[in-house]
Amino acid sequence: MSKGKIAIFLLAMMCIVIPFSGCGKKGDEDKQMEKQYVQIELEKGGNIVIELLPEYAPKSVAFFLELVNDKYYNGLTFHRAVKDFMIQGGSPNGDGMGGSGRTVKGEFSSNGFENGLSHTRGVVSMARTNVKDSASGQFFIMHGNADYLDGNYAAFGRVVEGMEYVDEIANSPVDGETLIEKPVMKTVKVLKNYKPAE
């Protein structure tokens, strides 16, 4: 085969291969760009919908989804509230102790991971002990802004619907920081085909 024919052959092969490889890559990117939402249905009525943000904390999102799909949160409560700060839930006994029996690596800068999601009103983050990789299922939703938490806690989502229920819980009577009446999460599930209101 002459050099000219070889060049034409190689050019033709590139035209065939490039479109196929490009299509495959685009499909993967589209899949990664799909938004995922989790709904917390409160037993007394009302839903809190969380948009998950894996671009900031992928392991935290995967861990949270694993617990949601295992129905870990169903029937658990929000046990702690500090007005203008946050509400916290996911303790198996409703007392702020314990977790799922599994843990996830802390995705925040003091643990060697850059997480650019700031702890502003509506942001959802992993609760933990003083051990950096100890998050085990408890989480908190910001009622106010607290950027001093940035770099020490793994923020992984934000509320896109139902902040009025977060407000209601944050303003409920407490004994210290413990809610006197602990709102029950009736079901926590992944929403299919959810579109947040514009």
N, C-alpha and C. Protein backbone atom coordinates (compact mmCIF):
# COMPACT_ATOMS: atom_id res chain seq x y z
N MET A 1 0.86 -1.20 0.00
CA MET A 1 0.00 0.00 0.00
C MET A 1 0.89 1.24 0.00
N SER A 2 0.58 2.19 -0.89
CA SER A 2 1.40 3.41 -0.99
C SER A 2 1.18 4.30 0.23
N LYS A 3 2.14 5.24 0.43
CA LYS A 3 2.03 6.16 1.57
C LYS A 3 0.76 6.98 1.51
N GLY A 4 0.37 7.38 0.29
CA GLY A 4 -0.86 8.16 0.11
C GLY A 4 -2.09 7.39 0.54
N LYS A 5 -2.14 6.10 0.17
CA LYS A 5 -3.30 5.27 0.53
C LYS A 5 -3.33 5.01 2.03
N ILE A 6 -2.12 4.84 2.63
CA ILE A 6 -2.05 4.62 4.09
C ILE A 6 -2.60 5.85 4.83
N ALA A 7 -2.19 7.04 4.35
CA ALA A 7 -2.65 8.28 4.99
C ALA A 7 -4.16 8.42 4.89
N ILE A 8 -4.74 8.11 3.73
CA ILE A 8 -6.20 8.18 3.54
C ILE A 8 -6.90 7.17 4.45
N PHE A 9 -6.32 5.95 4.54
CA PHE A 9 -6.90 4.90 5.39
C PHE A 9 -6.92 5.34 6.86
N LEU A 10 -5.78 5.89 7.33
CA LEU A 10 -5.70 6.33 8.74
C LEU A 10 -6.68 7.47 9.02
N LEU A 11 -6.80 8.39 8.07
CA LEU A 11 -7.73 9.51 8.22
C LEU A 11 -9.17 9.01 8.32
N ALA A 12 -9.50 8.04 7.48
CA ALA A 12 -10.85 7.45 7.50
C ALA A 12 -11.12 6.76 8.83
N MET A 13 -10.13 6.04 9.37
CA MET A 13 -10.29 5.35 10.66
C MET A 13 -10.52 6.35 11.79
N MET A 14 -9.79 7.48 11.75
CA MET A 14 -9.96 8.52 12.78
C MET A 14 -11.38 9.08 12.75
N CYS A 15 -11.93 9.27 11.57
CA CYS A 15 -13.28 9.81 11.43
C CYS A 15 -14.31 8.86 12.02
N ILE A 16 -14.02 7.54 11.95
CA ILE A 16 -14.95 6.55 12.50
C ILE A 16 -14.82 6.48 14.02
N VAL A 17 -13.57 6.43 14.52
CA VAL A 17 -13.33 6.21 15.95
C VAL A 17 -13.70 7.42 16.79
N ILE A 18 -13.34 8.63 16.33
CA ILE A 18 -13.54 9.83 17.16
C ILE A 18 -15.00 10.07 17.52
N PRO A 19 -15.97 9.99 16.55
CA PRO A 19 -17.36 10.21 16.95
C PRO A 19 -17.85 9.23 18.00
N PHE A 20 -17.44 7.95 17.87
CA PHE A 20 -17.91 6.95 18.83
C PHE A 20 -17.34 7.20 20.21
N SER A 21 -16.05 7.53 20.27
CA SER A 21 -15.45 7.77 21.58
C SER A 21 -16.04 9.04 22.19
N GLY A 22 -16.32 10.03 21.37
CA GLY A 22 -16.93 11.27 21.86
C GLY A 22 -18.31 11.04 22.43
N CYS A 23 -19.11 10.21 21.76
CA CYS A 23 -20.47 9.93 22.23
C CYS A 23 -20.44 9.26 23.60
N GLY A 24 -19.52 8.30 23.74
CA GLY A 24 -19.42 7.58 25.01
C GLY A 24 -19.09 8.52 26.15
N LYS A 25 -18.15 9.42 25.91
CA LYS A 25 -17.73 10.36 26.95
C LYS A 25 -18.87 11.29 27.32
N LYS A 26 -19.60 11.78 26.34
CA LYS A 26 -20.70 12.70 26.60
C LYS A 26 -21.77 12.02 27.46
N GLY A 27 -22.03 10.74 27.16
CA GLY A 27 -23.02 9.99 27.93
C GLY A 27 -22.64 9.89 29.40
N ASP A 28 -21.35 9.65 29.66
CA ASP A 28 -20.86 9.56 31.04
C ASP A 28 -21.01 10.90 31.75
N GLU A 29 -20.68 11.99 31.03
CA GLU A 29 -20.80 13.32 31.63
C GLU A 29 -22.26 13.65 31.94
N ASP A 30 -23.17 13.30 31.03
CA ASP A 30 -24.59 13.55 31.26
C ASP A 30 -25.06 12.81 32.50
N LYS A 31 -24.58 11.58 32.65
CA LYS A 31 -24.98 10.77 33.80
C LYS A 31 -24.50 11.42 35.10
N GLN A 32 -23.25 11.93 35.07
CA GLN A 32 -22.70 12.57 36.26
C GLN A 32 -23.42 13.87 36.59
N MET A 33 -23.96 14.53 35.56
CA MET A 33 -24.60 15.82 35.76
C MET A 33 -26.05 15.69 36.27
N GLU A 34 -26.60 14.48 36.25
CA GLU A 34 -27.98 14.29 36.71
C GLU A 34 -28.09 14.68 38.18
N LYS A 35 -29.05 15.53 38.49
CA LYS A 35 -29.26 15.94 39.87
C LYS A 35 -30.02 14.84 40.62
N GLN A 36 -29.66 14.66 41.89
CA GLN A 36 -30.37 13.70 42.73
C GLN A 36 -30.96 14.43 43.93
N TYR A 37 -32.17 14.03 44.29
CA TYR A 37 -32.90 14.68 45.37
C TYR A 37 -33.41 13.63 46.35
N VAL A 38 -33.34 13.97 47.63
CA VAL A 38 -33.86 13.10 48.69
C VAL A 38 -34.94 13.87 49.44
N GLN A 39 -36.05 13.18 49.69
CA GLN A 39 -37.17 13.79 50.40
C GLN A 39 -37.30 13.20 51.80
N ILE A 40 -37.36 14.10 52.78
CA ILE A 40 -37.66 13.71 54.16
C ILE A 40 -39.13 14.02 54.39
N GLU A 41 -39.95 12.97 54.54
CA GLU A 41 -41.37 13.14 54.84
C GLU A 41 -41.54 13.13 56.35
N LEU A 42 -42.02 14.23 56.90
CA LEU A 42 -42.22 14.33 58.35
C LEU A 42 -43.53 13.67 58.75
N GLU A 43 -43.52 12.96 59.87
CA GLU A 43 -44.70 12.21 60.31
C GLU A 43 -45.90 13.12 60.54
N LYS A 44 -45.67 14.33 61.03
CA LYS A 44 -46.77 15.26 61.32
C LYS A 44 -47.16 16.09 60.10
N GLY A 45 -46.57 15.78 58.94
CA GLY A 45 -46.91 16.50 57.72
C GLY A 45 -45.80 17.42 57.26
N GLY A 46 -45.64 17.49 55.96
CA GLY A 46 -44.61 18.35 55.37
C GLY A 46 -43.42 17.56 54.89
N ASN A 47 -42.77 18.08 53.85
CA ASN A 47 -41.60 17.44 53.26
C ASN A 47 -40.44 18.42 53.19
N ILE A 48 -39.25 17.90 53.45
CA ILE A 48 -38.01 18.64 53.24
C ILE A 48 -37.28 17.94 52.10
N VAL A 49 -37.01 18.66 51.01
CA VAL A 49 -36.32 18.06 49.87
C VAL A 49 -34.89 18.60 49.80
N ILE A 50 -33.96 17.67 49.71
CA ILE A 50 -32.53 17.99 49.68
C ILE A 50 -31.95 17.67 48.30
N GLU A 51 -31.26 18.64 47.73
CA GLU A 51 -30.49 18.39 46.51
C GLU A 51 -29.10 17.94 46.93
N LEU A 52 -28.66 16.78 46.45
CA LEU A 52 -27.34 16.26 46.78
C LEU A 52 -26.30 16.88 45.86
N LEU A 53 -25.11 17.17 46.40
CA LEU A 53 -24.08 17.89 45.66
C LEU A 53 -22.76 17.11 45.69
N PRO A 54 -22.69 16.03 44.91
CA PRO A 54 -21.48 15.19 44.93
C PRO A 54 -20.23 15.89 44.42
N GLU A 55 -20.38 16.99 43.69
CA GLU A 55 -19.21 17.72 43.22
C GLU A 55 -18.41 18.30 44.38
N TYR A 56 -19.02 18.44 45.56
CA TYR A 56 -18.33 18.94 46.74
C TYR A 56 -17.87 17.81 47.66
N ALA A 57 -18.69 16.78 47.82
CA ALA A 57 -18.38 15.70 48.77
C ALA A 57 -18.93 14.37 48.25
N PRO A 58 -18.27 13.77 47.27
CA PRO A 58 -18.81 12.57 46.62
C PRO A 58 -18.99 11.36 47.54
N LYS A 59 -18.04 11.14 48.45
CA LYS A 59 -18.15 9.98 49.35
C LYS A 59 -19.28 10.18 50.35
N SER A 60 -19.44 11.41 50.81
CA SER A 60 -20.53 11.72 51.76
C SER A 60 -21.89 11.51 51.10
N VAL A 61 -22.02 11.96 49.85
CA VAL A 61 -23.27 11.77 49.11
C VAL A 61 -23.56 10.29 48.91
N ALA A 62 -22.55 9.53 48.48
CA ALA A 62 -22.73 8.08 48.25
C ALA A 62 -23.12 7.39 49.55
N PHE A 63 -22.51 7.78 50.66
CA PHE A 63 -22.80 7.19 51.97
C PHE A 63 -24.23 7.51 52.40
N PHE A 64 -24.62 8.77 52.25
CA PHE A 64 -25.97 9.20 52.61
C PHE A 64 -27.00 8.44 51.77
N LEU A 65 -26.76 8.32 50.48
CA LEU A 65 -27.67 7.59 49.59
C LEU A 65 -27.77 6.11 49.98
N GLU A 66 -26.66 5.54 50.38
CA GLU A 66 -26.64 4.14 50.82
C GLU A 66 -27.56 3.96 52.03
N LEU A 67 -27.46 4.89 52.98
CA LEU A 67 -28.30 4.82 54.18
C LEU A 67 -29.78 5.05 53.84
N VAL A 68 -30.03 6.00 52.94
CA VAL A 68 -31.41 6.27 52.51
C VAL A 68 -32.00 5.02 51.85
N ASN A 69 -31.26 4.40 50.95
CA ASN A 69 -31.74 3.21 50.24
C ASN A 69 -31.89 2.00 51.17
N ASP A 70 -31.11 1.99 52.25
CA ASP A 70 -31.25 0.94 53.28
C ASP A 70 -32.39 1.22 54.25
N LYS A 71 -33.07 2.38 54.05
CA LYS A 71 -34.18 2.82 54.93
C LYS A 71 -33.71 3.06 56.37
N TYR A 72 -32.45 3.41 56.53
CA TYR A 72 -31.89 3.67 57.85
C TYR A 72 -32.63 4.79 58.58
N TYR A 73 -32.97 5.85 57.86
CA TYR A 73 -33.55 7.04 58.49
C TYR A 73 -35.04 6.92 58.79
N ASN A 74 -35.72 5.97 58.17
CA ASN A 74 -37.17 5.86 58.36
C ASN A 74 -37.50 5.62 59.83
N GLY A 75 -38.29 6.53 60.41
CA GLY A 75 -38.70 6.40 61.80
C GLY A 75 -37.77 7.09 62.79
N LEU A 76 -36.62 7.58 62.33
CA LEU A 76 -35.72 8.32 63.23
C LEU A 76 -36.20 9.76 63.36
N THR A 77 -35.55 10.51 64.21
CA THR A 77 -36.04 11.86 64.54
C THR A 77 -34.98 12.94 64.32
N PHE A 78 -35.46 14.18 64.34
CA PHE A 78 -34.60 15.33 64.59
C PHE A 78 -34.61 15.51 66.10
N HIS A 79 -33.44 15.43 66.71
CA HIS A 79 -33.37 15.46 68.17
C HIS A 79 -32.79 16.76 68.73
N ARG A 80 -32.10 17.52 67.89
CA ARG A 80 -31.37 18.70 68.37
C ARG A 80 -31.70 19.90 67.51
N ALA A 81 -31.83 21.05 68.16
CA ALA A 81 -32.10 22.29 67.42
C ALA A 81 -31.48 23.48 68.15
N VAL A 82 -30.81 24.32 67.37
CA VAL A 82 -30.28 25.58 67.89
C VAL A 82 -30.75 26.65 66.92
N LYS A 83 -31.68 27.49 67.37
CA LYS A 83 -32.25 28.54 66.52
C LYS A 83 -31.14 29.40 65.90
N ASP A 84 -31.30 29.73 64.63
CA ASP A 84 -30.35 30.53 63.86
C ASP A 84 -29.01 29.82 63.64
N PHE A 85 -28.96 28.53 63.98
CA PHE A 85 -27.74 27.75 63.75
C PHE A 85 -28.05 26.50 62.92
N MET A 86 -28.67 25.46 63.53
CA MET A 86 -28.94 24.25 62.78
C MET A 86 -29.91 23.33 63.52
N ILE A 87 -30.43 22.33 62.77
CA ILE A 87 -31.19 21.23 63.37
C ILE A 87 -30.45 19.94 63.00
N GLN A 88 -30.51 18.95 63.89
CA GLN A 88 -29.74 17.72 63.68
C GLN A 88 -30.62 16.49 63.89
N GLY A 89 -30.39 15.47 63.05
CA GLY A 89 -31.15 14.23 63.17
C GLY A 89 -30.32 13.04 62.74
N GLY A 90 -30.96 11.86 62.82
CA GLY A 90 -30.31 10.63 62.37
C GLY A 90 -29.70 9.78 63.46
N SER A 91 -29.92 10.17 64.73
CA SER A 91 -29.43 9.35 65.84
C SER A 91 -30.38 8.15 66.02
N PRO A 92 -29.85 6.92 66.06
CA PRO A 92 -30.74 5.75 66.15
C PRO A 92 -31.60 5.71 67.40
N ASN A 93 -31.12 6.31 68.49
CA ASN A 93 -31.88 6.31 69.75
C ASN A 93 -32.56 7.65 70.02
N GLY A 94 -32.37 8.61 69.13
CA GLY A 94 -32.99 9.92 69.32
C GLY A 94 -32.37 10.76 70.40
N ASP A 95 -31.14 10.38 70.83
CA ASP A 95 -30.50 11.11 71.92
C ASP A 95 -29.17 11.75 71.51
N GLY A 96 -28.88 11.73 70.22
CA GLY A 96 -27.62 12.31 69.74
C GLY A 96 -26.45 11.37 69.76
N MET A 97 -26.68 10.15 70.24
CA MET A 97 -25.60 9.17 70.30
C MET A 97 -25.77 8.15 69.17
N GLY A 98 -24.67 7.56 68.76
CA GLY A 98 -24.71 6.43 67.84
C GLY A 98 -24.89 6.82 66.38
N GLY A 99 -24.88 5.78 65.56
CA GLY A 99 -25.02 5.96 64.12
C GLY A 99 -25.39 4.65 63.46
N SER A 100 -24.97 4.50 62.24
CA SER A 100 -25.37 3.35 61.42
C SER A 100 -24.51 2.11 61.62
N GLY A 101 -23.40 2.27 62.35
CA GLY A 101 -22.45 1.16 62.47
C GLY A 101 -21.39 1.19 61.38
N ARG A 102 -21.53 2.16 60.47
CA ARG A 102 -20.55 2.38 59.40
C ARG A 102 -20.09 3.82 59.47
N THR A 103 -18.94 4.12 58.90
CA THR A 103 -18.46 5.51 58.88
C THR A 103 -17.98 5.88 57.48
N VAL A 104 -17.79 7.17 57.27
CA VAL A 104 -17.33 7.69 55.98
C VAL A 104 -16.20 8.67 56.23
N LYS A 105 -15.27 8.74 55.30
CA LYS A 105 -14.14 9.68 55.42
C LYS A 105 -14.66 11.11 55.44
N GLY A 106 -14.13 11.93 56.32
CA GLY A 106 -14.54 13.33 56.42
C GLY A 106 -14.01 14.15 55.25
N GLU A 107 -14.91 14.67 54.44
CA GLU A 107 -14.51 15.42 53.25
C GLU A 107 -14.50 16.93 53.55
N PHE A 108 -13.42 17.38 54.18
CA PHE A 108 -13.25 18.79 54.52
C PHE A 108 -11.76 19.08 54.64
N SER A 109 -11.40 20.36 54.55
CA SER A 109 -9.99 20.73 54.38
C SER A 109 -9.09 20.34 55.55
N SER A 110 -9.60 20.38 56.78
CA SER A 110 -8.74 20.00 57.91
C SER A 110 -8.44 18.50 57.91
N ASN A 111 -9.10 17.77 57.00
CA ASN A 111 -8.87 16.33 56.84
C ASN A 111 -8.24 16.03 55.48
N GLY A 112 -7.70 17.08 54.84
CA GLY A 112 -6.98 16.88 53.59
C GLY A 112 -7.84 16.80 52.34
N PHE A 113 -9.08 17.32 52.43
CA PHE A 113 -9.99 17.27 51.28
C PHE A 113 -10.60 18.66 51.09
N GLU A 114 -10.53 19.19 49.87
CA GLU A 114 -11.09 20.52 49.62
C GLU A 114 -12.58 20.42 49.30
N ASN A 115 -13.38 21.05 50.13
CA ASN A 115 -14.84 21.07 49.97
C ASN A 115 -15.26 22.55 49.97
N GLY A 116 -15.70 23.04 48.81
CA GLY A 116 -16.01 24.46 48.68
C GLY A 116 -17.43 24.86 49.02
N LEU A 117 -18.21 23.93 49.59
CA LEU A 117 -19.60 24.25 49.94
C LEU A 117 -19.65 24.84 51.35
N SER A 118 -20.02 26.11 51.44
CA SER A 118 -20.04 26.80 52.74
C SER A 118 -21.30 26.48 53.52
N HIS A 119 -21.17 26.52 54.84
CA HIS A 119 -22.30 26.22 55.74
C HIS A 119 -23.21 27.45 55.88
N THR A 120 -24.00 27.67 54.83
CA THR A 120 -24.99 28.75 54.83
C THR A 120 -26.38 28.15 55.03
N ARG A 121 -27.34 29.00 55.26
CA ARG A 121 -28.72 28.57 55.52
C ARG A 121 -29.19 27.57 54.45
N GLY A 122 -29.72 26.43 54.93
CA GLY A 122 -30.25 25.40 54.04
C GLY A 122 -29.26 24.32 53.63
N VAL A 123 -27.97 24.53 53.90
CA VAL A 123 -26.96 23.53 53.54
C VAL A 123 -27.04 22.35 54.51
N VAL A 124 -26.81 21.14 53.97
CA VAL A 124 -26.87 19.90 54.75
C VAL A 124 -25.46 19.36 54.90
N SER A 125 -25.10 18.92 56.10
CA SER A 125 -23.74 18.50 56.38
C SER A 125 -23.72 17.29 57.32
N MET A 126 -22.61 16.55 57.28
CA MET A 126 -22.46 15.37 58.13
C MET A 126 -22.05 15.76 59.55
N ALA A 127 -22.78 15.24 60.54
CA ALA A 127 -22.38 15.40 61.94
C ALA A 127 -21.32 14.35 62.26
N ARG A 128 -20.48 14.65 63.23
CA ARG A 128 -19.42 13.71 63.60
C ARG A 128 -18.97 13.99 65.03
N THR A 129 -18.12 13.09 65.55
CA THR A 129 -17.48 13.31 66.85
C THR A 129 -16.19 14.10 66.61
N ASN A 130 -15.31 14.15 67.59
CA ASN A 130 -14.02 14.83 67.43
C ASN A 130 -13.09 14.07 66.48
N VAL A 131 -13.43 12.82 66.18
CA VAL A 131 -12.65 12.02 65.22
C VAL A 131 -13.09 12.42 63.82
N LYS A 132 -12.14 12.76 62.96
CA LYS A 132 -12.47 13.35 61.66
C LYS A 132 -13.21 12.41 60.72
N ASP A 133 -12.95 11.11 60.80
CA ASP A 133 -13.61 10.15 59.90
C ASP A 133 -14.71 9.37 60.62
N SER A 134 -15.43 10.04 61.53
CA SER A 134 -16.40 9.34 62.38
C SER A 134 -17.86 9.53 61.97
N ALA A 135 -18.14 10.32 60.91
CA ALA A 135 -19.55 10.52 60.49
C ALA A 135 -20.17 9.16 60.20
N SER A 136 -21.35 8.92 60.79
CA SER A 136 -21.94 7.57 60.73
C SER A 136 -23.42 7.57 60.42
N GLY A 137 -23.97 8.73 60.03
CA GLY A 137 -25.40 8.76 59.68
C GLY A 137 -26.11 9.99 60.18
N GLN A 138 -25.67 10.55 61.30
CA GLN A 138 -26.30 11.78 61.77
C GLN A 138 -25.90 12.93 60.83
N PHE A 139 -26.84 13.83 60.62
CA PHE A 139 -26.59 14.98 59.74
C PHE A 139 -27.27 16.20 60.32
N PHE A 140 -26.89 17.37 59.82
CA PHE A 140 -27.54 18.59 60.29
C PHE A 140 -27.86 19.49 59.10
N ILE A 141 -28.93 20.27 59.27
CA ILE A 141 -29.37 21.24 58.27
C ILE A 141 -29.20 22.63 58.86
N MET A 142 -28.51 23.48 58.13
CA MET A 142 -28.24 24.83 58.62
C MET A 142 -29.52 25.66 58.66
N HIS A 143 -29.78 26.27 59.83
CA HIS A 143 -30.90 27.19 59.97
C HIS A 143 -30.43 28.62 59.72
N GLY A 144 -29.17 28.87 60.05
CA GLY A 144 -28.54 30.17 59.77
C GLY A 144 -27.23 29.95 59.04
N ASN A 145 -26.39 30.96 59.02
CA ASN A 145 -25.08 30.86 58.37
C ASN A 145 -24.01 30.64 59.44
N ALA A 146 -23.06 29.75 59.16
CA ALA A 146 -21.98 29.48 60.11
C ALA A 146 -20.73 29.05 59.34
N ASP A 147 -20.10 30.01 58.68
CA ASP A 147 -18.94 29.66 57.85
C ASP A 147 -17.75 29.18 58.67
N TYR A 148 -17.79 29.37 59.99
CA TYR A 148 -16.71 28.84 60.84
C TYR A 148 -16.71 27.31 60.88
N LEU A 149 -17.79 26.68 60.39
CA LEU A 149 -17.81 25.22 60.28
C LEU A 149 -17.08 24.73 59.03
N ASP A 150 -16.92 25.64 58.07
CA ASP A 150 -16.25 25.27 56.81
C ASP A 150 -14.85 24.75 57.12
N GLY A 151 -14.48 23.68 56.45
CA GLY A 151 -13.16 23.10 56.65
C GLY A 151 -13.10 22.06 57.74
N ASN A 152 -14.20 21.91 58.51
CA ASN A 152 -14.23 20.93 59.59
C ASN A 152 -15.41 19.96 59.55
N TYR A 153 -16.36 20.23 58.66
CA TYR A 153 -17.52 19.36 58.50
C TYR A 153 -17.80 19.19 57.01
N ALA A 154 -18.30 18.02 56.64
CA ALA A 154 -18.53 17.68 55.23
C ALA A 154 -19.93 18.10 54.78
N ALA A 155 -20.01 19.30 54.22
CA ALA A 155 -21.27 19.77 53.62
C ALA A 155 -21.47 19.00 52.31
N PHE A 156 -22.70 18.50 52.09
CA PHE A 156 -22.90 17.63 50.92
C PHE A 156 -24.22 17.86 50.18
N GLY A 157 -25.03 18.81 50.63
CA GLY A 157 -26.31 19.04 49.96
C GLY A 157 -26.92 20.35 50.41
N ARG A 158 -28.13 20.64 49.87
CA ARG A 158 -28.83 21.84 50.30
C ARG A 158 -30.33 21.63 50.14
N VAL A 159 -31.10 22.26 51.00
CA VAL A 159 -32.56 22.18 50.96
C VAL A 159 -33.06 23.02 49.80
N VAL A 160 -33.91 22.41 48.95
CA VAL A 160 -34.51 23.15 47.82
C VAL A 160 -36.02 23.30 48.00
N GLU A 161 -36.58 22.62 48.99
CA GLU A 161 -38.01 22.73 49.28
C GLU A 161 -38.23 22.35 50.74
N GLY A 162 -39.06 23.11 51.43
CA GLY A 162 -39.42 22.77 52.80
C GLY A 162 -38.62 23.46 53.89
N MET A 163 -37.96 24.58 53.55
CA MET A 163 -37.22 25.30 54.61
C MET A 163 -38.15 25.80 55.71
N GLU A 164 -39.44 25.95 55.37
CA GLU A 164 -40.39 26.38 56.41
C GLU A 164 -40.49 25.34 57.54
N TYR A 165 -40.26 24.06 57.19
CA TYR A 165 -40.29 23.00 58.21
C TYR A 165 -39.00 22.99 59.02
N VAL A 166 -37.90 23.32 58.38
CA VAL A 166 -36.64 23.49 59.11
C VAL A 166 -36.80 24.65 60.10
N ASP A 167 -37.40 25.75 59.64
CA ASP A 167 -37.65 26.90 60.53
C ASP A 167 -38.53 26.49 61.71
N GLU A 168 -39.56 25.73 61.41
CA GLU A 168 -40.50 25.30 62.46
C GLU A 168 -39.79 24.46 63.51
N ILE A 169 -38.95 23.53 63.06
CA ILE A 169 -38.21 22.67 64.00
C ILE A 169 -37.22 23.50 64.80
N ALA A 170 -36.51 24.41 64.12
CA ALA A 170 -35.50 25.25 64.79
C ALA A 170 -36.12 26.16 65.84
N ASN A 171 -37.37 26.52 65.66
CA ASN A 171 -38.06 27.40 66.59
C ASN A 171 -38.89 26.66 67.64
N SER A 172 -38.79 25.33 67.67
CA SER A 172 -39.56 24.52 68.62
C SER A 172 -38.92 24.56 70.01
N PRO A 173 -39.71 24.29 71.05
CA PRO A 173 -39.17 24.30 72.42
C PRO A 173 -38.06 23.26 72.62
N VAL A 174 -37.04 23.65 73.34
CA VAL A 174 -35.91 22.77 73.61
C VAL A 174 -35.56 22.76 75.10
N ASP A 175 -34.91 21.71 75.51
CA ASP A 175 -34.29 21.63 76.84
C ASP A 175 -32.79 21.67 76.58
N GLY A 176 -32.19 22.84 76.74
CA GLY A 176 -30.81 23.04 76.30
C GLY A 176 -30.81 23.10 74.78
N GLU A 177 -30.27 22.06 74.14
CA GLU A 177 -30.32 21.95 72.68
C GLU A 177 -31.14 20.75 72.22
N THR A 178 -31.74 20.04 73.17
CA THR A 178 -32.52 18.84 72.86
C THR A 178 -33.98 19.22 72.66
N LEU A 179 -34.54 18.85 71.53
CA LEU A 179 -35.95 19.14 71.26
C LEU A 179 -36.84 18.40 72.25
N ILE A 180 -37.81 19.10 72.80
CA ILE A 180 -38.74 18.47 73.75
C ILE A 180 -39.66 17.51 73.00
N GLU A 181 -40.17 17.94 71.86
CA GLU A 181 -40.94 17.06 70.99
C GLU A 181 -40.10 16.83 69.74
N LYS A 182 -39.69 15.60 69.52
CA LYS A 182 -38.75 15.30 68.44
C LYS A 182 -39.49 14.90 67.17
N PRO A 183 -39.43 15.73 66.12
CA PRO A 183 -40.13 15.41 64.87
C PRO A 183 -39.60 14.11 64.25
N VAL A 184 -40.53 13.26 63.87
CA VAL A 184 -40.16 11.96 63.28
C VAL A 184 -40.05 12.06 61.77
N MET A 185 -38.97 11.49 61.23
CA MET A 185 -38.82 11.34 59.78
C MET A 185 -39.56 10.06 59.39
N LYS A 186 -40.78 10.21 58.91
CA LYS A 186 -41.59 9.03 58.57
C LYS A 186 -40.92 8.19 57.50
N THR A 187 -40.58 8.81 56.39
CA THR A 187 -39.82 8.14 55.34
C THR A 187 -38.78 9.11 54.77
N VAL A 188 -37.65 8.55 54.39
CA VAL A 188 -36.61 9.32 53.70
C VAL A 188 -36.29 8.53 52.44
N LYS A 189 -36.51 9.15 51.28
CA LYS A 189 -36.36 8.39 50.03
C LYS A 189 -35.81 9.28 48.92
N VAL A 190 -35.23 8.61 47.92
CA VAL A 190 -34.75 9.30 46.71
C VAL A 190 -35.96 9.60 45.85
N LEU A 191 -36.05 10.84 45.36
CA LEU A 191 -37.14 11.24 44.47
C LEU A 191 -36.75 11.00 43.01
N LYS A 192 -37.64 10.41 42.26
CA LYS A 192 -37.42 10.20 40.83
C LYS A 192 -38.10 11.32 40.05
N ASN A 193 -37.40 11.82 39.05
CA ASN A 193 -37.96 12.83 38.13
C ASN A 193 -38.44 14.10 38.85
N TYR A 194 -37.74 14.46 39.93
CA TYR A 194 -38.11 15.67 40.69
C TYR A 194 -37.54 16.90 40.00
N LYS A 195 -38.35 17.94 39.89
CA LYS A 195 -37.90 19.22 39.36
C LYS A 195 -38.21 20.29 40.39
N PRO A 196 -37.16 20.95 40.94
CA PRO A 196 -37.43 22.00 41.93
C PRO A 196 -38.17 23.17 41.30
N ALA A 197 -38.97 23.84 42.12
CA ALA A 197 -39.71 25.01 41.65
C ALA A 197 -38.74 26.10 41.25
N GLU A 198 -39.07 26.83 40.19
CA GLU A 198 -38.22 27.94 39.72
C GLU A 198 -38.34 29.12 40.68
